[in-house]
Amino acid sequence: MTFGGWLVMILSVGSVTGLLAWTIHRVIRTPGATEHIHGELDIDTHDQDT
């Protein structure tokens, strides 16, 4: 493979891996994230008026 091919491959794989690491870090390190997690029964859609 040529030098240009290696460069494009390393940049693309590196950027996708970096983006994955950044998103995992954001999900794990977000303070108070447990208060924003809702289950199916916690969400009130106001579909039925009782």
C-alpha atoms as a PDB file:
ATOM      1  CA  MET A   1       0.000   0.000   0.000  1.00  0.00           C
ATOM      2  CA  THR A   2       1.241   3.476  -0.717  1.00  0.00           C
ATOM      3  CA  PHE A   3       2.051   6.104   1.884  1.00  0.00           C
ATOM      4  CA  GLY A   4      -1.151   7.999   1.037  1.00  0.00           C
ATOM      5  CA  GLY A   5      -3.220   4.871   1.592  1.00  0.00           C
ATOM      6  CA  TRP A   6      -1.627   4.263   4.982  1.00  0.00           C
ATOM      7  CA  LEU A   7      -2.168   7.890   5.937  1.00  0.00           C
ATOM      8  CA  VAL A   8      -5.849   7.858   5.009  1.00  0.00           C
ATOM      9  CA  MET A   9      -6.404   4.532   6.776  1.00  0.00           C
ATOM     10  CA  ILE A  10      -4.652   5.649   9.973  1.00  0.00           C
ATOM     11  CA  LEU A  11      -6.524   8.965  10.048  1.00  0.00           C
ATOM     12  CA  SER A  12      -9.927   7.390   9.462  1.00  0.00           C
ATOM     13  CA  VAL A  13      -9.502   4.519  11.925  1.00  0.00           C
ATOM     14  CA  GLY A  14      -7.940   6.864  14.463  1.00  0.00           C
ATOM     15  CA  SER A  15     -10.745   9.399  14.205  1.00  0.00           C
ATOM     16  CA  VAL A  16     -13.474   6.764  14.604  1.00  0.00           C
ATOM     17  CA  THR A  17     -11.643   5.214  17.564  1.00  0.00           C
ATOM     18  CA  GLY A  18     -11.161   8.643  19.134  1.00  0.00           C
ATOM     19  CA  LEU A  19     -14.827   9.484  18.693  1.00  0.00           C
ATOM     20  CA  LEU A  20     -15.834   6.180  20.292  1.00  0.00           C
ATOM     21  CA  ALA A  21     -13.503   6.768  23.254  1.00  0.00           C
ATOM     22  CA  TRP A  22     -14.804  10.330  23.699  1.00  0.00           C
ATOM     23  CA  THR A  23     -18.452   9.247  23.699  1.00  0.00           C
ATOM     24  CA  ILE A  24     -17.813   6.423  26.158  1.00  0.00           C
ATOM     25  CA  HIS A  25     -15.932   8.849  28.405  1.00  0.00           C
ATOM     26  CA  ARG A  26     -18.810  11.346  28.249  1.00  0.00           C
ATOM     27  CA  VAL A  27     -21.378   8.683  29.137  1.00  0.00           C
ATOM     28  CA  ILE A  28     -19.374   7.328  32.059  1.00  0.00           C
ATOM     29  CA  ARG A  29     -18.203  10.644  33.523  1.00  0.00           C
ATOM     30  CA  THR A  30     -21.409  12.708  33.279  1.00  0.00           C
ATOM     31  CA  PRO A  31     -22.374  13.715  36.829  1.00  0.00           C
ATOM     32  CA  GLY A  32     -25.986  13.125  37.793  1.00  0.00           C
ATOM     33  CA  ALA A  33     -26.708  10.949  34.772  1.00  0.00           C
ATOM     34  CA  THR A  34     -28.706   8.479  36.863  1.00  0.00           C
ATOM     35  CA  GLU A  35     -31.432  11.099  37.425  1.00  0.00           C
ATOM     36  CA  HIS A  36     -31.958  11.359  33.664  1.00  0.00           C
ATOM     37  CA  ILE A  37     -32.445   7.636  33.099  1.00  0.00           C
ATOM     38  CA  HIS A  38     -36.119   6.763  32.761  1.00  0.00           C
ATOM     39  CA  GLY A  39     -37.803   3.440  32.414  1.00  0.00           C
ATOM     40  CA  GLU A  40     -40.798   2.702  30.265  1.00  0.00           C
ATOM     41  CA  LEU A  41     -43.214   3.132  33.164  1.00  0.00           C
ATOM     42  CA  ASP A  42     -41.703   6.440  34.365  1.00  0.00           C
ATOM     43  CA  ILE A  43     -42.640   8.396  31.253  1.00  0.00           C
ATOM     44  CA  ASP A  44     -46.079  10.041  31.312  1.00  0.00           C
ATOM     45  CA  THR A  45     -47.263  10.684  27.755  1.00  0.00           C
ATOM     46  CA  HIS A  46     -50.700  12.024  28.802  1.00  0.00           C
ATOM     47  CA  ASP A  47     -52.359   9.798  26.179  1.00  0.00           C
ATOM     48  CA  GLN A  48     -55.300   8.872  28.390  1.00  0.00           C
ATOM     49  CA  ASP A  49     -57.181  11.396  30.472  1.00  0.00           C
ATOM     50  CA  THR A  50     -58.456   9.634  33.588  1.00  0.00           C
END
